[in-house]
């Protein structure tokens, strides 16, 4: 199973340099149905220290391709 991360900061849209928490994206399965998947949330240098409050599970909301950029494979 691949894990993905956002390429841009989820707060301002700048290039991400740090990742923590997640946003929820939709992924299309083989039969065409959509499921929710967790995408690791990216933050720029300015916003990496904090400022945006996640929920109790570390979720920062919904993924938006236009704001958060393309998804990248997260290599561990």
PDB file of N, CA and C in Angstrom:
ATOM      1  N   UNK A   1       0.838  -1.177   0.000  1.00  0.00           N
ATOM      2  CA  UNK A   1       0.000   0.000   0.000  1.00  0.00           C
ATOM      3  C   UNK A   1       0.884   1.242   0.000  1.00  0.00           C
ATOM      4  N   UNK A   2       0.647   2.115  -0.943  1.00  0.00           N
ATOM      5  CA  UNK A   2       1.415   3.353  -1.023  1.00  0.00           C
ATOM      6  C   UNK A   2       0.846   4.406  -0.086  1.00  0.00           C
ATOM      7  N   UNK A   3       1.718   5.173   0.510  1.00  0.00           N
ATOM      8  CA  UNK A   3       1.323   6.323   1.304  1.00  0.00           C
ATOM      9  C   UNK A   3       1.680   7.552   0.488  1.00  0.00           C
ATOM     10  N   UNK A   4       0.829   8.564   0.537  1.00  0.00           N
ATOM     11  CA  UNK A   4       1.056   9.782  -0.222  1.00  0.00           C
ATOM     12  C   UNK A   4       1.178  10.969   0.700  1.00  0.00           C
ATOM     13  N   UNK A   5       1.817  12.033   0.196  1.00  0.00           N
ATOM     14  CA  UNK A   5       1.937  13.293   0.923  1.00  0.00           C
ATOM     15  C   UNK A   5       1.634  14.426  -0.042  1.00  0.00           C
ATOM     16  N   UNK A   6       1.239  15.581   0.506  1.00  0.00           N
ATOM     17  CA  UNK A   6       0.991  16.744  -0.342  1.00  0.00           C
ATOM     18  C   UNK A   6       2.328  17.383  -0.701  1.00  0.00           C
ATOM     19  N   UNK A   7       2.410  17.979  -1.864  1.00  0.00           N
ATOM     20  CA  UNK A   7       3.651  18.626  -2.277  1.00  0.00           C
ATOM     21  C   UNK A   7       3.714  20.079  -1.814  1.00  0.00           C
ATOM     22  N   UNK A   8       2.561  20.656  -1.481  1.00  0.00           N
ATOM     23  CA  UNK A   8       2.490  22.052  -1.035  1.00  0.00           C
ATOM     24  C   UNK A   8       1.968  22.144   0.387  1.00  0.00           C
ATOM     25  N   UNK A   9       2.226  23.284   1.018  1.00  0.00           N
ATOM     26  CA  UNK A   9       1.733  23.575   2.360  1.00  0.00           C
ATOM     27  C   UNK A   9       0.209  23.621   2.326  1.00  0.00           C
ATOM     28  N   UNK A  10      -0.453  22.988   3.290  1.00  0.00           N
ATOM     29  CA  UNK A  10      -1.911  22.977   3.300  1.00  0.00           C
ATOM     30  C   UNK A  10      -2.498  24.292   3.794  1.00  0.00           C
ATOM     31  N   UNK A  11      -1.656  25.183   4.333  1.00  0.00           N
ATOM     32  CA  UNK A  11      -2.149  26.474   4.814  1.00  0.00           C
ATOM     33  C   UNK A  11      -2.034  27.574   3.765  1.00  0.00           C
ATOM     34  N   UNK A  12      -0.888  27.641   3.068  1.00  0.00           N
ATOM     35  CA  UNK A  12      -0.665  28.769   2.159  1.00  0.00           C
ATOM     36  C   UNK A  12      -0.383  28.358   0.713  1.00  0.00           C
ATOM     37  N   UNK A  13      -0.087  27.087   0.452  1.00  0.00           N
ATOM     38  CA  UNK A  13       0.159  26.630  -0.911  1.00  0.00           C
ATOM     39  C   UNK A  13       1.607  26.703  -1.362  1.00  0.00           C
ATOM     40  N   UNK A  14       2.519  27.176  -0.496  1.00  0.00           N
ATOM     41  CA  UNK A  14       3.949  27.204  -0.834  1.00  0.00           C
ATOM     42  C   UNK A  14       4.505  25.780  -0.823  1.00  0.00           C
ATOM     43  N   UNK A  15       5.718  25.591  -1.344  1.00  0.00           N
ATOM     44  CA  UNK A  15       6.367  24.277  -1.372  1.00  0.00           C
ATOM     45  C   UNK A  15       6.545  23.755   0.056  1.00  0.00           C
ATOM     46  N   UNK A  16       6.141  22.518   0.304  1.00  0.00           N
ATOM     47  CA  UNK A  16       6.230  21.915   1.630  1.00  0.00           C
ATOM     48  C   UNK A  16       7.653  21.465   1.943  1.00  0.00           C
ATOM     49  N   UNK A  17       8.066  21.656   3.204  1.00  0.00           N
ATOM     50  CA  UNK A  17       9.380  21.196   3.665  1.00  0.00           C
ATOM     51  C   UNK A  17       9.260  20.234   4.848  1.00  0.00           C
ATOM     52  N   UNK A  18       8.088  20.167   5.461  1.00  0.00           N
ATOM     53  CA  UNK A  18       7.850  19.271   6.587  1.00  0.00           C
ATOM     54  C   UNK A  18       6.465  18.660   6.481  1.00  0.00           C
ATOM     55  N   UNK A  19       6.295  17.458   7.026  1.00  0.00           N
ATOM     56  CA  UNK A  19       5.022  16.759   6.921  1.00  0.00           C
ATOM     57  C   UNK A  19       4.636  16.165   8.257  1.00  0.00           C
ATOM     58  N   UNK A  20       3.376  16.357   8.644  1.00  0.00           N
ATOM     59  CA  UNK A  20       2.809  15.718   9.833  1.00  0.00           C
ATOM     60  C   UNK A  20       1.299  15.799   9.766  1.00  0.00           C
ATOM     61  N   UNK A  21       0.630  14.907  10.469  1.00  0.00           N
ATOM     62  CA  UNK A  21      -0.822  14.848  10.395  1.00  0.00           C
ATOM     63  C   UNK A  21      -1.272  14.382   9.025  1.00  0.00           C
ATOM     64  N   UNK A  22      -2.542  14.596   8.719  1.00  0.00           N
ATOM     65  CA  UNK A  22      -3.039  14.173   7.410  1.00  0.00           C
ATOM     66  C   UNK A  22      -4.260  14.986   6.984  1.00  0.00           C
ATOM     67  N   UNK A  23      -4.550  14.916   5.695  1.00  0.00           N
ATOM     68  CA  UNK A  23      -5.795  15.406   5.116  1.00  0.00           C
ATOM     69  C   UNK A  23      -6.471  14.200   4.469  1.00  0.00           C
ATOM     70  N   UNK A  24      -7.776  14.290   4.247  1.00  0.00           N
ATOM     71  CA  UNK A  24      -8.527  13.167   3.686  1.00  0.00           C
ATOM     72  C   UNK A  24      -8.788  13.421   2.208  1.00  0.00           C
ATOM     73  N   UNK A  25      -8.401  12.458   1.371  1.00  0.00           N
ATOM     74  CA  UNK A  25      -8.623  12.536  -0.074  1.00  0.00           C
ATOM     75  C   UNK A  25      -9.524  11.381  -0.492  1.00  0.00           C
ATOM     76  N   UNK A  26     -10.024  11.457  -1.701  1.00  0.00           N
ATOM     77  CA  UNK A  26     -10.843  10.385  -2.273  1.00  0.00           C
ATOM     78  C   UNK A  26      -9.996   9.614  -3.278  1.00  0.00           C
ATOM     79  N   UNK A  27     -10.103   8.289  -3.242  1.00  0.00           N
ATOM     80  CA  UNK A  27      -9.405   7.437  -4.199  1.00  0.00           C
ATOM     81  C   UNK A  27     -10.422   6.537  -4.885  1.00  0.00           C
ATOM     82  N   UNK A  28     -10.326   6.440  -6.203  1.00  0.00           N
ATOM     83  CA  UNK A  28     -11.246   5.602  -6.970  1.00  0.00           C
ATOM     84  C   UNK A  28     -10.734   4.169  -6.976  1.00  0.00           C
ATOM     85  N   UNK A  29     -11.605   3.254  -6.601  1.00  0.00           N
ATOM     86  CA  UNK A  29     -11.269   1.828  -6.569  1.00  0.00           C
ATOM     87  C   UNK A  29     -11.551   1.199  -7.934  1.00  0.00           C
ATOM     88  N   UNK A  30     -11.233  -0.075  -8.092  1.00  0.00           N
ATOM     89  CA  UNK A  30     -11.338  -0.772  -9.368  1.00  0.00           C
ATOM     90  C   UNK A  30     -12.763  -0.784  -9.930  1.00  0.00           C
ATOM     91  N   UNK A  31     -13.754  -0.886  -9.082  1.00  0.00           N
ATOM     92  CA  UNK A  31     -15.142  -0.930  -9.547  1.00  0.00           C
ATOM     93  C   UNK A  31     -15.762   0.456  -9.682  1.00  0.00           C
ATOM     94  N   UNK A  32     -14.978   1.497  -9.434  1.00  0.00           N
ATOM     95  CA  UNK A  32     -15.448   2.857  -9.626  1.00  0.00           C
ATOM     96  C   UNK A  32     -15.932   3.565  -8.380  1.00  0.00           C
ATOM     97  N   UNK A  33     -16.032   2.859  -7.265  1.00  0.00           N
ATOM     98  CA  UNK A  33     -16.472   3.527  -6.047  1.00  0.00           C
ATOM     99  C   UNK A  33     -15.324   4.300  -5.410  1.00  0.00           C
ATOM    100  N   UNK A  34     -15.658   5.360  -4.669  1.00  0.00           N
ATOM    101  CA  UNK A  34     -14.662   6.209  -4.021  1.00  0.00           C
ATOM    102  C   UNK A  34     -14.544   5.853  -2.549  1.00  0.00           C
ATOM    103  N   UNK A  35     -13.309   5.836  -2.056  1.00  0.00           N
ATOM    104  CA  UNK A  35     -13.074   5.618  -0.637  1.00  0.00           C
ATOM    105  C   UNK A  35     -12.221   6.768  -0.107  1.00  0.00           C
ATOM    106  N   UNK A  36     -12.293   7.006   1.198  1.00  0.00           N
ATOM    107  CA  UNK A  36     -11.457   8.010   1.851  1.00  0.00           C
ATOM    108  C   UNK A  36     -10.081   7.414   2.138  1.00  0.00           C
ATOM    109  N   UNK A  37      -9.031   8.166   1.822  1.00  0.00           N
ATOM    110  CA  UNK A  37      -7.663   7.761   2.143  1.00  0.00           C
ATOM    111  C   UNK A  37      -6.963   8.924   2.843  1.00  0.00           C
ATOM    112  N   UNK A  38      -6.057   8.594   3.737  1.00  0.00           N
ATOM    113  CA  UNK A  38      -5.295   9.609   4.449  1.00  0.00           C
ATOM    114  C   UNK A  38      -4.060   9.987   3.639  1.00  0.00           C
ATOM    115  N   UNK A  39      -3.840  11.295   3.480  1.00  0.00           N
ATOM    116  CA  UNK A  39      -2.684  11.834   2.778  1.00  0.00           C
ATOM    117  C   UNK A  39      -1.909  12.674   3.785  1.00  0.00           C
ATOM    118  N   UNK A  40      -0.618  12.428   3.924  1.00  0.00           N
ATOM    119  CA  UNK A  40       0.195  13.161   4.895  1.00  0.00           C
ATOM    120  C   UNK A  40       0.236  14.630   4.514  1.00  0.00           C
ATOM    121  N   UNK A  41      -0.072  15.497   5.483  1.00  0.00           N
ATOM    122  CA  UNK A  41      -0.185  16.937   5.246  1.00  0.00           C
ATOM    123  C   UNK A  41       1.184  17.608   5.249  1.00  0.00           C
ATOM    124  N   UNK A  42       1.440  18.422   4.227  1.00  0.00           N
ATOM    125  CA  UNK A  42       2.694  19.150   4.102  1.00  0.00           C
ATOM    126  C   UNK A  42       2.581  20.572   4.636  1.00  0.00           C
ATOM    127  N   UNK A  43       3.693  21.101   5.130  1.00  0.00           N
ATOM    128  CA  UNK A  43       3.754  22.456   5.657  1.00  0.00           C
ATOM    129  C   UNK A  43       5.030  23.135   5.175  1.00  0.00           C
ATOM    130  N   UNK A  44       4.945  24.440   4.868  1.00  0.00           N
ATOM    131  CA  UNK A  44       6.118  25.211   4.454  1.00  0.00           C
ATOM    132  C   UNK A  44       6.957  25.535   5.689  1.00  0.00           C
ATOM    133  N   UNK A  45       8.091  26.185   5.476  1.00  0.00           N
ATOM    134  CA  UNK A  45       9.001  26.508   6.581  1.00  0.00           C
ATOM    135  C   UNK A  45       8.322  27.386   7.630  1.00  0.00           C
ATOM    136  N   UNK A  46       7.514  28.344   7.176  1.00  0.00           N
ATOM    137  CA  UNK A  46       6.841  29.269   8.089  1.00  0.00           C
ATOM    138  C   UNK A  46       5.767  28.575   8.928  1.00  0.00           C
ATOM    139  N   UNK A  47       4.999  27.686   8.330  1.00  0.00           N
ATOM    140  CA  UNK A  47       3.871  27.052   9.020  1.00  0.00           C
ATOM    141  C   UNK A  47       4.204  25.695   9.637  1.00  0.00           C
ATOM    142  N   UNK A  48       5.416  25.203   9.473  1.00  0.00           N
ATOM    143  CA  UNK A  48       5.795  23.894  10.002  1.00  0.00           C
ATOM    144  C   UNK A  48       5.800  23.864  11.529  1.00  0.00           C
ATOM    145  N   UNK A  49       6.004  24.997  12.155  1.00  0.00           N
ATOM    146  CA  UNK A  49       6.066  25.073  13.614  1.00  0.00           C
ATOM    147  C   UNK A  49       4.698  24.972  14.274  1.00  0.00           C
ATOM    148  N   UNK A  50       3.634  25.144  13.525  1.00  0.00           N
ATOM    149  CA  UNK A  50       2.289  25.073  14.103  1.00  0.00           C
ATOM    150  C   UNK A  50       1.412  26.177  13.562  1.00  0.00           C
ATOM    151  N   UNK A  51       0.317  26.411  14.212  1.00  0.00           N
ATOM    152  CA  UNK A  51      -0.585  27.464  13.793  1.00  0.00           C
ATOM    153  C   UNK A  51      -1.927  26.952  13.332  1.00  0.00           C
ATOM    154  N   UNK A  52      -1.976  25.728  12.831  1.00  0.00           N
ATOM    155  CA  UNK A  52      -3.231  25.134  12.398  1.00  0.00           C
ATOM    156  C   UNK A  52      -3.537  23.975  13.333  1.00  0.00           C
ATOM    157  N   UNK A  53      -4.725  23.976  13.899  1.00  0.00           N
ATOM    158  CA  UNK A  53      -5.118  22.949  14.866  1.00  0.00           C
ATOM    159  C   UNK A  53      -5.781  21.775  14.151  1.00  0.00           C
ATOM    160  N   UNK A  54      -5.285  20.578  14.408  1.00  0.00           N
ATOM    161  CA  UNK A  54      -5.900  19.372  13.841  1.00  0.00           C
ATOM    162  C   UNK A  54      -6.952  18.854  14.820  1.00  0.00           C
ATOM    163  N   UNK A  55      -7.747  17.881  14.363  1.00  0.00           N
ATOM    164  CA  UNK A  55      -8.689  17.258  15.287  1.00  0.00           C
ATOM    165  C   UNK A  55      -7.945  16.240  16.150  1.00  0.00           C
ATOM    166  N   UNK A  56      -8.653  15.522  16.978  1.00  0.00           N
ATOM    167  CA  UNK A  56      -8.041  14.583  17.919  1.00  0.00           C
ATOM    168  C   UNK A  56      -7.287  13.449  17.218  1.00  0.00           C
ATOM    169  N   UNK A  57      -7.625  13.165  15.952  1.00  0.00           N
ATOM    170  CA  UNK A  57      -6.966  12.103  15.180  1.00  0.00           C
ATOM    171  C   UNK A  57      -5.831  12.611  14.300  1.00  0.00           C
ATOM    172  N   UNK A  58      -5.511  13.902  14.349  1.00  0.00           N
ATOM    173  CA  UNK A  58      -4.444  14.470  13.528  1.00  0.00           C
ATOM    174  C   UNK A  58      -4.881  14.872  12.136  1.00  0.00           C
ATOM    175  N   UNK A  59      -6.191  15.019  11.918  1.00  0.00           N
ATOM    176  CA  UNK A  59      -6.725  15.353  10.597  1.00  0.00           C
ATOM    177  C   UNK A  59      -6.878  16.869  10.452  1.00  0.00           C
ATOM    178  N   UNK A  60      -6.408  17.397   9.322  1.00  0.00           N
ATOM    179  CA  UNK A  60      -6.502  18.827   9.033  1.00  0.00           C
ATOM    180  C   UNK A  60      -7.618  19.150   8.034  1.00  0.00           C
ATOM    181  N   UNK A  61      -8.456  18.186   7.669  1.00  0.00           N
ATOM    182  CA  UNK A  61      -9.572  18.449   6.772  1.00  0.00           C
ATOM    183  C   UNK A  61      -9.459  17.709   5.455  1.00  0.00           C
ATOM    184  N   UNK A  62     -10.127  18.242   4.430  1.00  0.00           N
ATOM    185  CA  UNK A  62     -10.183  17.605   3.120  1.00  0.00           C
ATOM    186  C   UNK A  62      -9.035  18.061   2.219  1.00  0.00           C
ATOM    187  N   UNK A  63      -8.540  17.149   1.399  1.00  0.00           N
ATOM    188  CA  UNK A  63      -7.508  17.435   0.412  1.00  0.00           C
ATOM    189  C   UNK A  63      -8.113  18.186  -0.763  1.00  0.00           C
ATOM    190  N   UNK A  64      -7.408  19.212  -1.237  1.00  0.00           N
ATOM    191  CA  UNK A  64      -7.814  19.971  -2.411  1.00  0.00           C
ATOM    192  C   UNK A  64      -6.629  20.028  -3.364  1.00  0.00           C
ATOM    193  N   UNK A  65      -6.763  19.436  -4.536  1.00  0.00           N
ATOM    194  CA  UNK A  65      -5.652  19.384  -5.494  1.00  0.00           C
ATOM    195  C   UNK A  65      -5.194  20.778  -5.904  1.00  0.00           C
ATOM    196  N   UNK A  66      -6.137  21.697  -6.095  1.00  0.00           N
ATOM    197  CA  UNK A  66      -5.772  23.047  -6.532  1.00  0.00           C
ATOM    198  C   UNK A  66      -4.987  23.804  -5.460  1.00  0.00           C
ATOM    199  N   UNK A  67      -5.269  23.582  -4.196  1.00  0.00           N
ATOM    200  CA  UNK A  67      -4.576  24.292  -3.113  1.00  0.00           C
ATOM    201  C   UNK A  67      -3.352  23.531  -2.602  1.00  0.00           C
ATOM    202  N   UNK A  68      -3.475  22.221  -2.426  1.00  0.00           N
ATOM    203  CA  UNK A  68      -2.421  21.426  -1.796  1.00  0.00           C
ATOM    204  C   UNK A  68      -1.419  20.833  -2.775  1.00  0.00           C
ATOM    205  N   UNK A  69      -1.659  20.986  -4.070  1.00  0.00           N
ATOM    206  CA  UNK A  69      -0.718  20.494  -5.074  1.00  0.00           C
ATOM    207  C   UNK A  69      -0.885  19.022  -5.366  1.00  0.00           C
ATOM    208  N   UNK A  70      -0.010  18.523  -6.214  1.00  0.00           N
ATOM    209  CA  UNK A  70      -0.028  17.110  -6.588  1.00  0.00           C
ATOM    210  C   UNK A  70       0.390  16.245  -5.399  1.00  0.00           C
ATOM    211  N   UNK A  71      -0.011  14.992  -5.450  1.00  0.00           N
ATOM    212  CA  UNK A  71       0.404  14.055  -4.418  1.00  0.00           C
ATOM    213  C   UNK A  71       1.734  13.429  -4.808  1.00  0.00           C
ATOM    214  N   UNK A  72       2.571  13.191  -3.815  1.00  0.00           N
ATOM    215  CA  UNK A  72       3.859  12.536  -4.013  1.00  0.00           C
ATOM    216  C   UNK A  72       3.865  11.255  -3.199  1.00  0.00           C
ATOM    217  N   UNK A  73       4.587  10.236  -3.641  1.00  0.00           N
ATOM    218  CA  UNK A  73       4.719   9.018  -2.869  1.00  0.00           C
ATOM    219  C   UNK A  73       5.638   9.312  -1.689  1.00  0.00           C
ATOM    220  N   UNK A  74       5.177   8.936  -0.510  1.00  0.00           N
ATOM    221  CA  UNK A  74       5.947   9.141   0.714  1.00  0.00           C
ATOM    222  C   UNK A  74       6.826   7.935   0.940  1.00  0.00           C
ATOM    223  N   UNK A  75       8.135   8.128   0.887  1.00  0.00           N
ATOM    224  CA  UNK A  75       9.086   7.026   1.052  1.00  0.00           C
ATOM    225  C   UNK A  75       9.584   7.015   2.484  1.00  0.00           C
ATOM    226  N   UNK A  76       9.466   5.861   3.104  1.00  0.00           N
ATOM    227  CA  UNK A  76       9.882   5.729   4.511  1.00  0.00           C
ATOM    228  C   UNK A  76      11.314   5.276   4.582  1.00  0.00           C
TER     229      UNK A  76
END
